[in-house]
């Protein structure tokens, strides 16, 4: 019952924030990270509210992470990555979209929390509840390494749909050539592997979000999950 009430509060808060175009919260950053909004670079800090179509860029030896406001998923960007953040309200839930232009991104997604897709230049990956790495290299090759659950991948140029489950890696070339094989240790580097292991031992997280009431006063709501 307590968990159900928390979910109701989260969804209500998400609806309030979506009205102001807020879709996510920046939960961590390290090194050189840029936040772009409406073609302008912004100064930011941990806890920054992220809006629909914000772009995050990480440089060499840098890192960033954000959580969608419905507490459904965590997205982590590794070095030299570019991601566009997007979400829309659908049937009382958030339909979330992560567009990876290049680099490596870890997505941890809870089931039953609305649609979640990861887009690369050549593919669209859909999940319900899972954990997986997405990588787009300089040649435009997309690679999905699934560490939990299952990912359905559609190749944009052909419409063909692939499926990769836990322990599998799907590789798709810009021309639509593809293979799904057993994952190997080389598919995930040491830094990424450390983040995967940290996900399994991390204590509950708290998001502290400012919300303005009808009088324009700012109040803070904390959500732990």
C-alpha atoms as a PDB file:
ATOM      1  CA  UNK A   1       0.000   0.000   0.000  1.00  0.00           C
ATOM      2  CA  UNK A   2       2.842   2.380   0.888  1.00  0.00           C
ATOM      3  CA  UNK A   3       4.520   1.633  -2.437  1.00  0.00           C
ATOM      4  CA  UNK A   4       1.254   2.286  -4.281  1.00  0.00           C
ATOM      5  CA  UNK A   5       0.796   5.640  -2.531  1.00  0.00           C
ATOM      6  CA  UNK A   6       4.367   6.601  -3.417  1.00  0.00           C
ATOM      7  CA  UNK A   7       3.706   5.764  -7.050  1.00  0.00           C
ATOM      8  CA  UNK A   8       0.587   7.955  -7.042  1.00  0.00           C
ATOM      9  CA  UNK A   9       2.559  10.862  -5.564  1.00  0.00           C
ATOM     10  CA  UNK A  10       5.341  10.414  -8.108  1.00  0.00           C
ATOM     11  CA  UNK A  11       2.911  10.355 -11.029  1.00  0.00           C
ATOM     12  CA  UNK A  12       1.077  13.426  -9.736  1.00  0.00           C
ATOM     13  CA  UNK A  13       4.347  15.280  -9.330  1.00  0.00           C
ATOM     14  CA  UNK A  14       5.468  14.157 -12.769  1.00  0.00           C
ATOM     15  CA  UNK A  15       2.288  15.598 -14.273  1.00  0.00           C
ATOM     16  CA  UNK A  16       2.898  18.931 -12.530  1.00  0.00           C
ATOM     17  CA  UNK A  17       6.469  19.139 -13.740  1.00  0.00           C
ATOM     18  CA  UNK A  18       5.614  18.044 -17.265  1.00  0.00           C
ATOM     19  CA  UNK A  19       3.403  21.115 -17.524  1.00  0.00           C
ATOM     20  CA  UNK A  20       6.602  23.140 -17.168  1.00  0.00           C
ATOM     21  CA  UNK A  21       8.506  20.928 -19.663  1.00  0.00           C
ATOM     22  CA  UNK A  22      10.576  19.359 -16.893  1.00  0.00           C
ATOM     23  CA  UNK A  23      11.186  15.678 -17.629  1.00  0.00           C
ATOM     24  CA  UNK A  24      14.278  14.641 -15.669  1.00  0.00           C
ATOM     25  CA  UNK A  25      16.708  15.528 -12.887  1.00  0.00           C
ATOM     26  CA  UNK A  26      20.501  15.620 -13.267  1.00  0.00           C
ATOM     27  CA  UNK A  27      21.662  13.295 -10.489  1.00  0.00           C
ATOM     28  CA  UNK A  28      25.432  13.297 -11.089  1.00  0.00           C
ATOM     29  CA  UNK A  29      28.186  14.763 -13.237  1.00  0.00           C
ATOM     30  CA  UNK A  30      31.975  14.528 -13.268  1.00  0.00           C
ATOM     31  CA  UNK A  31      34.599  16.126 -15.438  1.00  0.00           C
ATOM     32  CA  UNK A  32      33.636  18.171 -18.483  1.00  0.00           C
ATOM     33  CA  UNK A  33      29.885  17.969 -19.118  1.00  0.00           C
ATOM     34  CA  UNK A  34      27.846  20.398 -21.232  1.00  0.00           C
ATOM     35  CA  UNK A  35      24.111  21.006 -20.959  1.00  0.00           C
ATOM     36  CA  UNK A  36      22.516  22.571 -24.049  1.00  0.00           C
ATOM     37  CA  UNK A  37      18.985  23.995 -24.139  1.00  0.00           C
ATOM     38  CA  UNK A  38      17.533  25.819 -27.132  1.00  0.00           C
ATOM     39  CA  UNK A  39      21.026  25.925 -28.711  1.00  0.00           C
ATOM     40  CA  UNK A  40      22.512  27.632 -25.648  1.00  0.00           C
ATOM     41  CA  UNK A  41      25.015  26.157 -23.185  1.00  0.00           C
ATOM     42  CA  UNK A  42      23.805  26.432 -19.582  1.00  0.00           C
ATOM     43  CA  UNK A  43      25.523  26.469 -16.233  1.00  0.00           C
ATOM     44  CA  UNK A  44      24.212  23.662 -14.062  1.00  0.00           C
ATOM     45  CA  UNK A  45      24.770  21.630 -10.919  1.00  0.00           C
ATOM     46  CA  UNK A  46      23.614  18.366  -9.396  1.00  0.00           C
ATOM     47  CA  UNK A  47      19.844  18.424  -8.973  1.00  0.00           C
ATOM     48  CA  UNK A  48      19.299  20.556 -12.084  1.00  0.00           C
ATOM     49  CA  UNK A  49      15.843  20.076 -13.600  1.00  0.00           C
ATOM     50  CA  UNK A  50      16.165  18.921 -17.201  1.00  0.00           C
ATOM     51  CA  UNK A  51      13.657  19.830 -19.885  1.00  0.00           C
ATOM     52  CA  UNK A  52      12.322  18.083 -22.949  1.00  0.00           C
ATOM     53  CA  UNK A  53      14.918  18.223 -25.782  1.00  0.00           C
ATOM     54  CA  UNK A  54      17.830  19.149 -23.509  1.00  0.00           C
ATOM     55  CA  UNK A  55      21.157  17.802 -24.786  1.00  0.00           C
ATOM     56  CA  UNK A  56      23.915  16.415 -22.547  1.00  0.00           C
ATOM     57  CA  UNK A  57      27.494  16.086 -23.808  1.00  0.00           C
ATOM     58  CA  UNK A  58      30.352  14.446 -21.958  1.00  0.00           C
ATOM     59  CA  UNK A  59      34.008  14.969 -22.845  1.00  0.00           C
ATOM     60  CA  UNK A  60      36.967  12.605 -22.319  1.00  0.00           C
ATOM     61  CA  UNK A  61      37.131  11.004 -18.854  1.00  0.00           C
ATOM     62  CA  UNK A  62      33.775  12.563 -17.959  1.00  0.00           C
ATOM     63  CA  UNK A  63      30.464  11.202 -16.715  1.00  0.00           C
ATOM     64  CA  UNK A  64      26.833  12.292 -16.244  1.00  0.00           C
ATOM     65  CA  UNK A  65      23.645  10.674 -14.990  1.00  0.00           C
ATOM     66  CA  UNK A  66      20.004  11.669 -14.868  1.00  0.00           C
ATOM     67  CA  UNK A  67      16.716  10.250 -13.612  1.00  0.00           C
ATOM     68  CA  UNK A  68      13.335  10.763 -15.230  1.00  0.00           C
ATOM     69  CA  UNK A  69      10.846  12.527 -12.941  1.00  0.00           C
ATOM     70  CA  UNK A  70       8.562   9.492 -12.624  1.00  0.00           C
ATOM     71  CA  UNK A  71      11.418   7.671 -10.843  1.00  0.00           C
ATOM     72  CA  UNK A  72      11.261   4.962 -13.490  1.00  0.00           C
ATOM     73  CA  UNK A  73      14.761   4.897 -14.861  1.00  0.00           C
ATOM     74  CA  UNK A  74      18.376   5.986 -14.559  1.00  0.00           C
ATOM     75  CA  UNK A  75      20.457   7.016 -17.569  1.00  0.00           C
ATOM     76  CA  UNK A  76      24.258   7.186 -17.316  1.00  0.00           C
ATOM     77  CA  UNK A  77      26.481   8.779 -19.976  1.00  0.00           C
ATOM     78  CA  UNK A  78      30.111   7.762 -20.220  1.00  0.00           C
ATOM     79  CA  UNK A  79      33.012   9.609 -21.885  1.00  0.00           C
ATOM     80  CA  UNK A  80      32.542  11.322 -25.262  1.00  0.00           C
ATOM     81  CA  UNK A  81      28.769  10.775 -25.414  1.00  0.00           C
ATOM     82  CA  UNK A  82      25.922  12.923 -26.735  1.00  0.00           C
ATOM     83  CA  UNK A  83      22.313  12.316 -25.603  1.00  0.00           C
ATOM     84  CA  UNK A  84      19.058  14.179 -26.195  1.00  0.00           C
ATOM     85  CA  UNK A  85      16.481  13.840 -23.391  1.00  0.00           C
ATOM     86  CA  UNK A  86      12.785  13.573 -24.203  1.00  0.00           C
ATOM     87  CA  UNK A  87       9.510  12.541 -22.558  1.00  0.00           C
ATOM     88  CA  UNK A  88       5.791  13.077 -23.123  1.00  0.00           C
ATOM     89  CA  UNK A  89       2.736  12.317 -20.994  1.00  0.00           C
ATOM     90  CA  UNK A  90       0.699   9.353 -22.277  1.00  0.00           C
ATOM     91  CA  UNK A  91      -2.288   7.848 -20.414  1.00  0.00           C
ATOM     92  CA  UNK A  92      -1.081   9.088 -17.041  1.00  0.00           C
ATOM     93  CA  UNK A  93       2.484   7.850 -17.522  1.00  0.00           C
ATOM     94  CA  UNK A  94       5.657   9.213 -19.066  1.00  0.00           C
ATOM     95  CA  UNK A  95       6.700   7.914 -22.475  1.00  0.00           C
ATOM     96  CA  UNK A  96      10.461   8.340 -22.277  1.00  0.00           C
ATOM     97  CA  UNK A  97      12.959   8.634 -25.125  1.00  0.00           C
ATOM     98  CA  UNK A  98      16.754   8.692 -25.061  1.00  0.00           C
ATOM     99  CA  UNK A  99      18.467   9.657 -28.332  1.00  0.00           C
ATOM    100  CA  UNK A 100      22.113   8.568 -28.455  1.00  0.00           C
ATOM    101  CA  UNK A 101      24.044  10.352 -31.198  1.00  0.00           C
ATOM    102  CA  UNK A 102      27.378   8.883 -30.152  1.00  0.00           C
ATOM    103  CA  UNK A 103      29.168   7.322 -27.189  1.00  0.00           C
ATOM    104  CA  UNK A 104      28.137   4.852 -24.494  1.00  0.00           C
ATOM    105  CA  UNK A 105      24.992   5.018 -22.362  1.00  0.00           C
ATOM    106  CA  UNK A 106      23.701   2.738 -19.598  1.00  0.00           C
ATOM    107  CA  UNK A 107      19.922   2.545 -19.124  1.00  0.00           C
ATOM    108  CA  UNK A 108      18.296   0.967 -16.061  1.00  0.00           C
ATOM    109  CA  UNK A 109      14.523   0.830 -16.534  1.00  0.00           C
ATOM    110  CA  UNK A 110      11.773  -0.258 -14.136  1.00  0.00           C
ATOM    111  CA  UNK A 111       8.880  -2.246 -15.581  1.00  0.00           C
ATOM    112  CA  UNK A 112       5.318  -0.919 -15.685  1.00  0.00           C
ATOM    113  CA  UNK A 113       6.341   2.743 -15.795  1.00  0.00           C
ATOM    114  CA  UNK A 114       5.440   3.789 -19.325  1.00  0.00           C
ATOM    115  CA  UNK A 115       7.087   3.350 -22.691  1.00  0.00           C
ATOM    116  CA  UNK A 116      10.867   3.643 -22.873  1.00  0.00           C
ATOM    117  CA  UNK A 117      12.870   3.792 -26.098  1.00  0.00           C
ATOM    118  CA  UNK A 118      16.491   4.387 -26.987  1.00  0.00           C
ATOM    119  CA  UNK A 119      17.131   5.836 -30.446  1.00  0.00           C
ATOM    120  CA  UNK A 120      20.409   5.720 -32.343  1.00  0.00           C
ATOM    121  CA  UNK A 121      20.923   7.065 -35.892  1.00  0.00           C
ATOM    122  CA  UNK A 122      19.971   3.645 -37.325  1.00  0.00           C
ATOM    123  CA  UNK A 123      17.831   1.881 -34.675  1.00  0.00           C
ATOM    124  CA  UNK A 124      15.026   2.159 -32.125  1.00  0.00           C
ATOM    125  CA  UNK A 125      15.264  -0.040 -29.014  1.00  0.00           C
ATOM    126  CA  UNK A 126      12.135  -0.642 -26.912  1.00  0.00           C
ATOM    127  CA  UNK A 127      12.093  -2.024 -23.374  1.00  0.00           C
ATOM    128  CA  UNK A 128       9.654  -2.582 -20.509  1.00  0.00           C
ATOM    129  CA  UNK A 129      12.022  -3.294 -17.652  1.00  0.00           C
ATOM    130  CA  UNK A 130      15.674  -4.049 -18.112  1.00  0.00           C
ATOM    131  CA  UNK A 131      19.276  -2.880 -17.952  1.00  0.00           C
ATOM    132  CA  UNK A 132      21.427  -2.497 -21.033  1.00  0.00           C
ATOM    133  CA  UNK A 133      24.301  -0.604 -22.604  1.00  0.00           C
ATOM    134  CA  UNK A 134      23.938   1.315 -25.863  1.00  0.00           C
ATOM    135  CA  UNK A 135      27.021   2.268 -27.842  1.00  0.00           C
ATOM    136  CA  UNK A 136      27.308   4.277 -31.080  1.00  0.00           C
ATOM    137  CA  UNK A 137      30.835   4.439 -32.503  1.00  0.00           C
ATOM    138  CA  UNK A 138      32.491   6.816 -34.950  1.00  0.00           C
ATOM    139  CA  UNK A 139      31.496   4.597 -37.905  1.00  0.00           C
ATOM    140  CA  UNK A 140      27.826   4.751 -36.945  1.00  0.00           C
ATOM    141  CA  UNK A 141      27.642   1.152 -35.703  1.00  0.00           C
ATOM    142  CA  UNK A 142      25.037   0.666 -32.942  1.00  0.00           C
ATOM    143  CA  UNK A 143      25.666  -1.953 -30.261  1.00  0.00           C
ATOM    144  CA  UNK A 144      23.275  -3.052 -27.497  1.00  0.00           C
ATOM    145  CA  UNK A 145      24.609  -5.196 -24.643  1.00  0.00           C
ATOM    146  CA  UNK A 146      21.816  -6.529 -22.408  1.00  0.00           C
ATOM    147  CA  UNK A 147      22.705  -7.289 -18.780  1.00  0.00           C
ATOM    148  CA  UNK A 148      19.145  -7.879 -17.555  1.00  0.00           C
ATOM    149  CA  UNK A 149      15.747  -8.387 -19.188  1.00  0.00           C
ATOM    150  CA  UNK A 150      15.179  -8.136 -22.929  1.00  0.00           C
ATOM    151  CA  UNK A 151      15.447  -5.425 -25.598  1.00  0.00           C
ATOM    152  CA  UNK A 152      13.544  -5.273 -28.898  1.00  0.00           C
ATOM    153  CA  UNK A 153      15.458  -3.430 -31.620  1.00  0.00           C
ATOM    154  CA  UNK A 154      13.998  -2.122 -34.865  1.00  0.00           C
ATOM    155  CA  UNK A 155      16.329  -1.324 -37.754  1.00  0.00           C
ATOM    156  CA  UNK A 156      15.114   1.982 -39.220  1.00  0.00           C
ATOM    157  CA  UNK A 157      16.192   1.352 -42.818  1.00  0.00           C
ATOM    158  CA  UNK A 158      14.484  -2.049 -43.177  1.00  0.00           C
ATOM    159  CA  UNK A 159      11.885  -2.203 -40.402  1.00  0.00           C
ATOM    160  CA  UNK A 160      13.333  -5.546 -39.309  1.00  0.00           C
ATOM    161  CA  UNK A 161      13.003  -6.309 -35.590  1.00  0.00           C
ATOM    162  CA  UNK A 162      15.670  -8.056 -33.529  1.00  0.00           C
ATOM    163  CA  UNK A 163      15.493  -9.321 -29.960  1.00  0.00           C
ATOM    164  CA  UNK A 164      18.379  -9.436 -27.488  1.00  0.00           C
ATOM    165  CA  UNK A 165      17.979 -10.931 -24.011  1.00  0.00           C
ATOM    166  CA  UNK A 166      20.230 -11.022 -20.953  1.00  0.00           C
ATOM    167  CA  UNK A 167      23.758 -12.031 -21.871  1.00  0.00           C
ATOM    168  CA  UNK A 168      23.361 -11.090 -25.542  1.00  0.00           C
ATOM    169  CA  UNK A 169      24.788  -8.273 -27.661  1.00  0.00           C
ATOM    170  CA  UNK A 170      23.182  -6.950 -30.858  1.00  0.00           C
ATOM    171  CA  UNK A 171      25.341  -5.123 -33.405  1.00  0.00           C
ATOM    172  CA  UNK A 172      23.804  -3.166 -36.297  1.00  0.00           C
ATOM    173  CA  UNK A 173      25.786  -1.454 -39.072  1.00  0.00           C
ATOM    174  CA  UNK A 174      24.680   1.785 -40.800  1.00  0.00           C
ATOM    175  CA  UNK A 175      23.612  -0.369 -43.780  1.00  0.00           C
ATOM    176  CA  UNK A 176      21.335  -2.506 -41.610  1.00  0.00           C
ATOM    177  CA  UNK A 177      23.636  -5.530 -41.453  1.00  0.00           C
ATOM    178  CA  UNK A 178      23.318  -7.116 -38.032  1.00  0.00           C
ATOM    179  CA  UNK A 179      24.240  -9.917 -35.688  1.00  0.00           C
ATOM    180  CA  UNK A 180      23.004 -11.000 -32.240  1.00  0.00           C
ATOM    181  CA  UNK A 181      25.611 -12.986 -30.313  1.00  0.00           C
ATOM    182  CA  UNK A 182      26.681 -13.893 -26.792  1.00  0.00           C
ATOM    183  CA  UNK A 183      28.133 -10.902 -24.979  1.00  0.00           C
ATOM    184  CA  UNK A 184      31.891 -10.882 -24.422  1.00  0.00           C
ATOM    185  CA  UNK A 185      33.994  -9.128 -21.749  1.00  0.00           C
ATOM    186  CA  UNK A 186      35.228  -6.685 -24.407  1.00  0.00           C
ATOM    187  CA  UNK A 187      31.693  -5.372 -24.989  1.00  0.00           C
ATOM    188  CA  UNK A 188      31.783  -3.429 -21.701  1.00  0.00           C
ATOM    189  CA  UNK A 189      34.934  -1.651 -20.511  1.00  0.00           C
ATOM    190  CA  UNK A 190      36.185  -1.516 -16.925  1.00  0.00           C
ATOM    191  CA  UNK A 191      34.560   1.833 -16.071  1.00  0.00           C
ATOM    192  CA  UNK A 192      31.191   0.759 -17.460  1.00  0.00           C
ATOM    193  CA  UNK A 193      31.411  -2.574 -15.638  1.00  0.00           C
ATOM    194  CA  UNK A 194      32.060  -0.753 -12.359  1.00  0.00           C
ATOM    195  CA  UNK A 195      28.866   1.273 -12.879  1.00  0.00           C
ATOM    196  CA  UNK A 196      26.886  -1.898 -13.567  1.00  0.00           C
ATOM    197  CA  UNK A 197      28.119  -3.405 -10.319  1.00  0.00           C
ATOM    198  CA  UNK A 198      27.387  -0.166  -8.449  1.00  0.00           C
ATOM    199  CA  UNK A 199      23.791  -0.303  -9.694  1.00  0.00           C
ATOM    200  CA  UNK A 200      23.326  -3.618  -7.936  1.00  0.00           C
ATOM    201  CA  UNK A 201      24.530  -2.325  -4.552  1.00  0.00           C
ATOM    202  CA  UNK A 202      23.358   1.303  -4.560  1.00  0.00           C
ATOM    203  CA  UNK A 203      21.198   2.414  -1.634  1.00  0.00           C
ATOM    204  CA  UNK A 204      17.759   3.970  -2.273  1.00  0.00           C
ATOM    205  CA  UNK A 205      17.946   7.356  -4.001  1.00  0.00           C
ATOM    206  CA  UNK A 206      16.213  10.598  -3.076  1.00  0.00           C
ATOM    207  CA  UNK A 207      15.140  13.281  -5.520  1.00  0.00           C
ATOM    208  CA  UNK A 208      14.520  16.764  -4.041  1.00  0.00           C
ATOM    209  CA  UNK A 209      12.457  18.802  -6.492  1.00  0.00           C
ATOM    210  CA  UNK A 210      11.324  22.436  -6.209  1.00  0.00           C
ATOM    211  CA  UNK A 211       7.676  23.038  -7.110  1.00  0.00           C
ATOM    212  CA  UNK A 212       5.907  26.431  -7.201  1.00  0.00           C
ATOM    213  CA  UNK A 213       2.407  26.744  -5.753  1.00  0.00           C
ATOM    214  CA  UNK A 214      -0.374  28.995  -7.080  1.00  0.00           C
ATOM    215  CA  UNK A 215       1.013  31.946  -5.147  1.00  0.00           C
ATOM    216  CA  UNK A 216       4.430  31.535  -6.750  1.00  0.00           C
ATOM    217  CA  UNK A 217       6.085  30.238  -3.590  1.00  0.00           C
ATOM    218  CA  UNK A 218       8.675  27.492  -4.013  1.00  0.00           C
ATOM    219  CA  UNK A 219       8.304  24.311  -1.996  1.00  0.00           C
ATOM    220  CA  UNK A 220      10.486  21.221  -2.076  1.00  0.00           C
ATOM    221  CA  UNK A 221       9.243  17.670  -2.391  1.00  0.00           C
ATOM    222  CA  UNK A 222      11.536  14.749  -1.616  1.00  0.00           C
ATOM    223  CA  UNK A 223      10.934  11.348  -3.158  1.00  0.00           C
ATOM    224  CA  UNK A 224      12.932   8.328  -2.050  1.00  0.00           C
ATOM    225  CA  UNK A 225      12.771   5.155  -4.115  1.00  0.00           C
END
